[in-house]
């Protein structure tokens, strides 16, 4: 089996999300790809060690595990 195409897609997705997190952490405004709403980065969640990236409508909802 050739997994190179699947590995490439996973790698591209990882780097895309990493760059999105970097830009949000720098205070830049990014839009959701689906609804075009503003994405927010919330690092002060009720759950310790977790963060969230989401849009108002919920089409983008990424849970982050924050390390110490």
PDB file of N, CA and C in Angstrom:
ATOM      1  N   UNK A   1       0.828  -1.190   0.000  1.00  0.00           N
ATOM      2  CA  UNK A   1       0.000   0.000   0.000  1.00  0.00           C
ATOM      3  C   UNK A   1       0.867   1.246   0.000  1.00  0.00           C
ATOM      4  N   UNK A   2       0.386   2.237  -0.713  1.00  0.00           N
ATOM      5  CA  UNK A   2       1.101   3.512  -0.794  1.00  0.00           C
ATOM      6  C   UNK A   2       0.355   4.559   0.034  1.00  0.00           C
ATOM      7  N   UNK A   3       0.956   4.953   1.138  1.00  0.00           N
ATOM      8  CA  UNK A   3       0.343   5.933   2.023  1.00  0.00           C
ATOM      9  C   UNK A   3       0.871   7.344   1.793  1.00  0.00           C
ATOM     10  N   UNK A   4       1.665   7.550   0.778  1.00  0.00           N
ATOM     11  CA  UNK A   4       2.302   8.852   0.576  1.00  0.00           C
ATOM     12  C   UNK A   4       1.286   9.972   0.379  1.00  0.00           C
ATOM     13  N   UNK A   5       0.191   9.702  -0.331  1.00  0.00           N
ATOM     14  CA  UNK A   5      -0.818  10.737  -0.562  1.00  0.00           C
ATOM     15  C   UNK A   5      -1.527  11.100   0.748  1.00  0.00           C
ATOM     16  N   UNK A   6      -1.868  10.098   1.547  1.00  0.00           N
ATOM     17  CA  UNK A   6      -2.502  10.336   2.839  1.00  0.00           C
ATOM     18  C   UNK A   6      -1.556  11.086   3.774  1.00  0.00           C
ATOM     19  N   UNK A   7      -0.297  10.688   3.806  1.00  0.00           N
ATOM     20  CA  UNK A   7       0.696  11.369   4.635  1.00  0.00           C
ATOM     21  C   UNK A   7       0.865  12.820   4.216  1.00  0.00           C
ATOM     22  N   UNK A   8       0.852  13.082   2.921  1.00  0.00           N
ATOM     23  CA  UNK A   8       0.988  14.449   2.410  1.00  0.00           C
ATOM     24  C   UNK A   8      -0.194  15.309   2.853  1.00  0.00           C
ATOM     25  N   UNK A   9      -1.418  14.770   2.768  1.00  0.00           N
ATOM     26  CA  UNK A   9      -2.604  15.514   3.195  1.00  0.00           C
ATOM     27  C   UNK A   9      -2.554  15.818   4.688  1.00  0.00           C
ATOM     28  N   UNK A  10      -2.156  14.848   5.491  1.00  0.00           N
ATOM     29  CA  UNK A  10      -2.066  15.037   6.938  1.00  0.00           C
ATOM     30  C   UNK A  10      -1.007  16.079   7.276  1.00  0.00           C
ATOM     31  N   UNK A  11       0.107  16.027   6.597  1.00  0.00           N
ATOM     32  CA  UNK A  11       1.183  16.987   6.819  1.00  0.00           C
ATOM     33  C   UNK A  11       0.743  18.396   6.431  1.00  0.00           C
ATOM     34  N   UNK A  12       0.082  18.520   5.290  1.00  0.00           N
ATOM     35  CA  UNK A  12      -0.402  19.829   4.839  1.00  0.00           C
ATOM     36  C   UNK A  12      -1.399  20.410   5.835  1.00  0.00           C
ATOM     37  N   UNK A  13      -2.291  19.569   6.352  1.00  0.00           N
ATOM     38  CA  UNK A  13      -3.289  20.010   7.320  1.00  0.00           C
ATOM     39  C   UNK A  13      -2.615  20.481   8.607  1.00  0.00           C
ATOM     40  N   UNK A  14      -1.618  19.748   9.069  1.00  0.00           N
ATOM     41  CA  UNK A  14      -0.900  20.114  10.285  1.00  0.00           C
ATOM     42  C   UNK A  14      -0.244  21.480  10.129  1.00  0.00           C
ATOM     43  N   UNK A  15       0.469  21.697   9.035  1.00  0.00           N
ATOM     44  CA  UNK A  15       1.170  22.962   8.833  1.00  0.00           C
ATOM     45  C   UNK A  15       0.202  24.122   8.629  1.00  0.00           C
ATOM     46  N   UNK A  16      -0.929  23.864   8.010  1.00  0.00           N
ATOM     47  CA  UNK A  16      -1.950  24.899   7.816  1.00  0.00           C
ATOM     48  C   UNK A  16      -2.500  25.337   9.174  1.00  0.00           C
ATOM     49  N   UNK A  17      -2.829  24.365  10.043  1.00  0.00           N
ATOM     50  CA  UNK A  17      -3.346  24.702  11.367  1.00  0.00           C
ATOM     51  C   UNK A  17      -2.277  25.361  12.234  1.00  0.00           C
ATOM     52  N   UNK A  18      -1.049  24.908  12.123  1.00  0.00           N
ATOM     53  CA  UNK A  18       0.037  25.514  12.894  1.00  0.00           C
ATOM     54  C   UNK A  18       0.218  26.983  12.515  1.00  0.00           C
ATOM     55  N   UNK A  19       0.192  27.272  11.223  1.00  0.00           N
ATOM     56  CA  UNK A  19       0.339  28.649  10.769  1.00  0.00           C
ATOM     57  C   UNK A  19      -0.847  29.503  11.197  1.00  0.00           C
ATOM     58  N   UNK A  20      -2.045  28.923  11.187  1.00  0.00           N
ATOM     59  CA  UNK A  20      -3.223  29.634  11.642  1.00  0.00           C
ATOM     60  C   UNK A  20      -3.076  29.998  13.121  1.00  0.00           C
ATOM     61  N   UNK A  21      -2.605  29.052  13.945  1.00  0.00           N
ATOM     62  CA  UNK A  21      -2.408  29.316  15.373  1.00  0.00           C
ATOM     63  C   UNK A  21      -1.360  30.403  15.603  1.00  0.00           C
ATOM     64  N   UNK A  22      -0.292  30.373  14.846  1.00  0.00           N
ATOM     65  CA  UNK A  22       0.745  31.400  14.958  1.00  0.00           C
ATOM     66  C   UNK A  22       0.170  32.782  14.670  1.00  0.00           C
ATOM     67  N   UNK A  23      -0.605  32.880  13.607  1.00  0.00           N
ATOM     68  CA  UNK A  23      -1.180  34.170  13.225  1.00  0.00           C
ATOM     69  C   UNK A  23      -2.183  34.665  14.262  1.00  0.00           C
ATOM     70  N   UNK A  24      -3.022  33.772  14.784  1.00  0.00           N
ATOM     71  CA  UNK A  24      -3.972  34.169  15.815  1.00  0.00           C
ATOM     72  C   UNK A  24      -3.248  34.610  17.085  1.00  0.00           C
ATOM     73  N   UNK A  25      -2.181  33.915  17.444  1.00  0.00           N
ATOM     74  CA  UNK A  25      -1.408  34.266  18.636  1.00  0.00           C
ATOM     75  C   UNK A  25      -0.731  35.627  18.481  1.00  0.00           C
ATOM     76  N   UNK A  26      -0.456  36.033  17.247  1.00  0.00           N
ATOM     77  CA  UNK A  26       0.148  37.336  16.980  1.00  0.00           C
ATOM     78  C   UNK A  26      -0.896  38.448  16.919  1.00  0.00           C
ATOM     79  N   UNK A  27      -2.176  38.087  17.096  1.00  0.00           N
ATOM     80  CA  UNK A  27      -3.234  39.093  17.105  1.00  0.00           C
ATOM     81  C   UNK A  27      -3.837  39.389  15.748  1.00  0.00           C
ATOM     82  N   UNK A  28      -3.489  38.603  14.748  1.00  0.00           N
ATOM     83  CA  UNK A  28      -4.037  38.824  13.410  1.00  0.00           C
ATOM     84  C   UNK A  28      -5.470  38.305  13.346  1.00  0.00           C
ATOM     85  N   UNK A  29      -6.270  38.913  12.485  1.00  0.00           N
ATOM     86  CA  UNK A  29      -7.662  38.498  12.296  1.00  0.00           C
ATOM     87  C   UNK A  29      -7.732  37.514  11.143  1.00  0.00           C
ATOM     88  N   UNK A  30      -8.258  36.334  11.426  1.00  0.00           N
ATOM     89  CA  UNK A  30      -8.437  35.312  10.398  1.00  0.00           C
ATOM     90  C   UNK A  30      -9.910  34.970  10.293  1.00  0.00           C
ATOM     91  N   UNK A  31     -10.317  34.562   9.109  1.00  0.00           N
ATOM     92  CA  UNK A  31     -11.720  34.230   8.847  1.00  0.00           C
ATOM     93  C   UNK A  31     -11.878  32.720   8.675  1.00  0.00           C
ATOM     94  N   UNK A  32     -13.031  32.222   9.087  1.00  0.00           N
ATOM     95  CA  UNK A  32     -13.397  30.822   8.902  1.00  0.00           C
ATOM     96  C   UNK A  32     -13.567  30.560   7.405  1.00  0.00           C
ATOM     97  N   UNK A  33     -13.071  29.416   6.945  1.00  0.00           N
ATOM     98  CA  UNK A  33     -13.164  29.084   5.522  1.00  0.00           C
ATOM     99  C   UNK A  33     -14.601  28.810   5.083  1.00  0.00           C
ATOM    100  N   UNK A  34     -15.446  28.353   5.994  1.00  0.00           N
ATOM    101  CA  UNK A  34     -16.831  28.008   5.624  1.00  0.00           C
ATOM    102  C   UNK A  34     -17.775  29.198   5.710  1.00  0.00           C
ATOM    103  N   UNK A  35     -17.836  29.855   6.884  1.00  0.00           N
ATOM    104  CA  UNK A  35     -18.834  30.905   7.094  1.00  0.00           C
ATOM    105  C   UNK A  35     -18.268  32.317   6.951  1.00  0.00           C
ATOM    106  N   UNK A  36     -16.964  32.435   6.838  1.00  0.00           N
ATOM    107  CA  UNK A  36     -16.276  33.728   6.717  1.00  0.00           C
ATOM    108  C   UNK A  36     -16.392  34.568   7.994  1.00  0.00           C
ATOM    109  N   UNK A  37     -16.714  33.913   9.110  1.00  0.00           N
ATOM    110  CA  UNK A  37     -16.763  34.595  10.401  1.00  0.00           C
ATOM    111  C   UNK A  37     -15.363  34.693  10.988  1.00  0.00           C
ATOM    112  N   UNK A  38     -15.193  35.574  11.945  1.00  0.00           N
ATOM    113  CA  UNK A  38     -13.887  35.786  12.578  1.00  0.00           C
ATOM    114  C   UNK A  38     -13.564  34.619  13.511  1.00  0.00           C
ATOM    115  N   UNK A  39     -12.333  34.111  13.412  1.00  0.00           N
ATOM    116  CA  UNK A  39     -11.861  33.055  14.301  1.00  0.00           C
ATOM    117  C   UNK A  39     -11.320  33.674  15.581  1.00  0.00           C
ATOM    118  N   UNK A  40     -11.595  33.028  16.705  1.00  0.00           N
ATOM    119  CA  UNK A  40     -11.083  33.508  17.984  1.00  0.00           C
ATOM    120  C   UNK A  40     -10.213  32.438  18.621  1.00  0.00           C
ATOM    121  N   UNK A  41      -9.201  32.881  19.333  1.00  0.00           N
ATOM    122  CA  UNK A  41      -8.308  31.997  20.079  1.00  0.00           C
ATOM    123  C   UNK A  41      -8.561  32.238  21.556  1.00  0.00           C
ATOM    124  N   UNK A  42      -8.981  31.212  22.281  1.00  0.00           N
ATOM    125  CA  UNK A  42      -9.282  31.312  23.705  1.00  0.00           C
ATOM    126  C   UNK A  42      -8.362  30.366  24.465  1.00  0.00           C
ATOM    127  N   UNK A  43      -7.432  30.943  25.213  1.00  0.00           N
ATOM    128  CA  UNK A  43      -6.504  30.128  26.003  1.00  0.00           C
ATOM    129  C   UNK A  43      -6.894  30.094  27.474  1.00  0.00           C
ATOM    130  N   UNK A  44      -7.917  30.855  27.854  1.00  0.00           N
ATOM    131  CA  UNK A  44      -8.372  30.908  29.248  1.00  0.00           C
ATOM    132  C   UNK A  44      -9.685  30.150  29.383  1.00  0.00           C
ATOM    133  N   UNK A  45      -9.658  28.887  29.048  1.00  0.00           N
ATOM    134  CA  UNK A  45     -10.875  28.070  29.137  1.00  0.00           C
ATOM    135  C   UNK A  45     -11.070  27.553  30.554  1.00  0.00           C
ATOM    136  N   UNK A  46     -12.247  27.016  30.820  1.00  0.00           N
ATOM    137  CA  UNK A  46     -12.542  26.475  32.149  1.00  0.00           C
ATOM    138  C   UNK A  46     -11.773  25.185  32.417  1.00  0.00           C
ATOM    139  N   UNK A  47     -11.324  24.547  31.351  1.00  0.00           N
ATOM    140  CA  UNK A  47     -10.574  23.300  31.486  1.00  0.00           C
ATOM    141  C   UNK A  47      -9.078  23.608  31.432  1.00  0.00           C
ATOM    142  N   UNK A  48      -8.371  23.301  32.480  1.00  0.00           N
ATOM    143  CA  UNK A  48      -6.945  23.617  32.533  1.00  0.00           C
ATOM    144  C   UNK A  48      -6.162  22.802  31.503  1.00  0.00           C
ATOM    145  N   UNK A  49      -5.218  23.455  30.828  1.00  0.00           N
ATOM    146  CA  UNK A  49      -4.403  22.784  29.823  1.00  0.00           C
ATOM    147  C   UNK A  49      -5.075  22.664  28.468  1.00  0.00           C
ATOM    148  N   UNK A  50      -6.197  23.363  28.268  1.00  0.00           N
ATOM    149  CA  UNK A  50      -6.916  23.310  26.996  1.00  0.00           C
ATOM    150  C   UNK A  50      -7.107  24.722  26.456  1.00  0.00           C
ATOM    151  N   UNK A  51      -7.141  24.829  25.156  1.00  0.00           N
ATOM    152  CA  UNK A  51      -7.439  26.079  24.475  1.00  0.00           C
ATOM    153  C   UNK A  51      -8.394  25.797  23.329  1.00  0.00           C
ATOM    154  N   UNK A  52      -8.991  26.843  22.787  1.00  0.00           N
ATOM    155  CA  UNK A  52      -9.961  26.683  21.708  1.00  0.00           C
ATOM    156  C   UNK A  52      -9.722  27.698  20.596  1.00  0.00           C
ATOM    157  N   UNK A  53      -9.910  27.245  19.375  1.00  0.00           N
ATOM    158  CA  UNK A  53      -9.997  28.118  18.222  1.00  0.00           C
ATOM    159  C   UNK A  53     -11.351  27.827  17.609  1.00  0.00           C
ATOM    160  N   UNK A  54     -12.171  28.882  17.460  1.00  0.00           N
ATOM    161  CA  UNK A  54     -13.505  28.643  16.919  1.00  0.00           C
ATOM    162  C   UNK A  54     -14.055  29.896  16.263  1.00  0.00           C
ATOM    163  N   UNK A  55     -15.083  29.668  15.448  1.00  0.00           N
ATOM    164  CA  UNK A  55     -15.846  30.769  14.884  1.00  0.00           C
ATOM    165  C   UNK A  55     -17.184  30.803  15.606  1.00  0.00           C
ATOM    166  N   UNK A  56     -17.933  31.877  15.419  1.00  0.00           N
ATOM    167  CA  UNK A  56     -19.202  32.036  16.135  1.00  0.00           C
ATOM    168  C   UNK A  56     -20.213  30.951  15.792  1.00  0.00           C
ATOM    169  N   UNK A  57     -20.254  30.535  14.527  1.00  0.00           N
ATOM    170  CA  UNK A  57     -21.246  29.555  14.104  1.00  0.00           C
ATOM    171  C   UNK A  57     -20.851  28.121  14.454  1.00  0.00           C
ATOM    172  N   UNK A  58     -19.589  27.889  14.772  1.00  0.00           N
ATOM    173  CA  UNK A  58     -19.148  26.561  15.187  1.00  0.00           C
ATOM    174  C   UNK A  58     -18.652  25.669  14.066  1.00  0.00           C
ATOM    175  N   UNK A  59     -18.533  26.193  12.834  1.00  0.00           N
ATOM    176  CA  UNK A  59     -18.017  25.331  11.754  1.00  0.00           C
ATOM    177  C   UNK A  59     -16.520  25.064  11.936  1.00  0.00           C
ATOM    178  N   UNK A  60     -15.798  26.000  12.553  1.00  0.00           N
ATOM    179  CA  UNK A  60     -14.408  25.748  12.934  1.00  0.00           C
ATOM    180  C   UNK A  60     -14.396  25.625  14.453  1.00  0.00           C
ATOM    181  N   UNK A  61     -13.906  24.498  14.936  1.00  0.00           N
ATOM    182  CA  UNK A  61     -13.860  24.245  16.380  1.00  0.00           C
ATOM    183  C   UNK A  61     -12.672  23.330  16.646  1.00  0.00           C
ATOM    184  N   UNK A  62     -11.553  23.923  17.035  1.00  0.00           N
ATOM    185  CA  UNK A  62     -10.317  23.188  17.257  1.00  0.00           C
ATOM    186  C   UNK A  62      -9.968  23.256  18.739  1.00  0.00           C
ATOM    187  N   UNK A  63      -9.817  22.102  19.364  1.00  0.00           N
ATOM    188  CA  UNK A  63      -9.423  22.026  20.772  1.00  0.00           C
ATOM    189  C   UNK A  63      -7.911  21.832  20.817  1.00  0.00           C
ATOM    190  N   UNK A  64      -7.247  22.671  21.592  1.00  0.00           N
ATOM    191  CA  UNK A  64      -5.787  22.622  21.724  1.00  0.00           C
ATOM    192  C   UNK A  64      -5.405  22.036  23.073  1.00  0.00           C
ATOM    193  N   UNK A  65      -4.395  21.193  23.068  1.00  0.00           N
ATOM    194  CA  UNK A  65      -3.827  20.701  24.323  1.00  0.00           C
ATOM    195  C   UNK A  65      -2.572  21.514  24.580  1.00  0.00           C
ATOM    196  N   UNK A  66      -2.576  22.262  25.659  1.00  0.00           N
ATOM    197  CA  UNK A  66      -1.470  23.156  25.985  1.00  0.00           C
ATOM    198  C   UNK A  66      -0.525  22.468  26.966  1.00  0.00           C
ATOM    199  N   UNK A  67       0.746  22.478  26.626  1.00  0.00           N
ATOM    200  CA  UNK A  67       1.751  21.896  27.495  1.00  0.00           C
ATOM    201  C   UNK A  67       2.343  22.937  28.425  1.00  0.00           C
ATOM    202  N   UNK A  68       2.964  22.490  29.474  1.00  0.00           N
ATOM    203  CA  UNK A  68       3.565  23.414  30.442  1.00  0.00           C
ATOM    204  C   UNK A  68       4.926  23.845  30.001  1.00  0.00           C
TER     205      UNK A  68
END
